[in-house]
Amino acid sequence: MTSAIEALIEAEQLPPDYATIVERHWRPLARQIADRVAVEERPLIVGINGAQGSGKSTLCRFLEVLLQERGLHAATLSLDDIYCTRAERQRLAATTHPLFATRGVPGTHDTAIAMAIFDDVLARREVFRPRFDKAADDRAPDLVGPERGIEVLLFEGWCVGAVPQAEAELAQPINALEAQEDADGVWRREVNHRLAADYAALFARLDMLVMLQVPGFEVVRANRLLQERKLAARAPDGTAVMDAAAIDRFIAHYERLTRHMLEEMPGRADIVIRIDNDQRPLDPSAGSAAMPTGN
């Protein structure tokens, strides 16, 4: 294990045995990505999908270091950072459906920003990335960058690579939020429409799709509570930090599409890594390490 990996484990406040996870799971994944770059001989866009709290951001931090060790400059773009501004979401809520005021589902991102960043990476231009302030629930005014020479762009997000549901699957509400606040299905149908439109065009540009597959939607709440505690610690004065009741309502917006992805995505993702209830990849002996699906 290199000193850079040791330093990252310490910085992320991960247990010492996390080094084993790096060697068994993340280093082989970095090797697969690097091999693909060598074949393509151009910058690569790699989608990292995973439910809330599955460890996407942590994985991307390690992949950046591991790819750097292989002489490749990797950077991460989070789907969260291309959220529409609060004002934009409020306008969408007023004109389309009130549930669009809450960030998260397709329709609440500015996909044109990601498209432009993809273009800049592939053209080997300098890249500026937005930043979303979750504690304020709004896009930050400053951009990250410029960054030059990106050879691997890791595009991570909870619904990266998602595909729309069949129309018949939208008929019945999946939880109390949908039953009480989207009884006519306008919101969920618009989310599905956006998945089939601008999000489909965006996800079609992925060169690889990696899925961190959690055991089920039930683990999302516990993981999201942990995330919110970390956010509160970093930004104690944040006006949009959520309590448990707010989190329950928040994740209800994600339930339909999360369950849909857990059912259908493993069969088509390029690589599937199963994650346990503690946000750790299952041991290769369980048949779950960086598994190519053959797609």
Foldseek 3Di string as FASTA:
>chain_A
DDPVVVVLCVVVVHDPCCVVLCVQFLLVVLVVVVVVCVVVVFAAEEEEAEFFLLCRVVSQVSSCVSNVVVVAHEDEAEQVQQFAFLVVQPVCCVPQNVVSSFDDFQVRGDLVLVVVQVVCRRVQHFHWTWGAQQLQRGTDPDIDDRDGRHRYYYYYDHQQPFAADDPVVQQDQPDPCCVPRVVVSRVVVVSRVSRHPSSVVSSVRHPAYEYAAEPAPVLNLVSVQVVLVVSCVVPVPRPNRDDSVVSVVNCSVVRPRNRVCNPPVVQPGQWYFYAYSVSGTDGVVVVGHRDGNPD
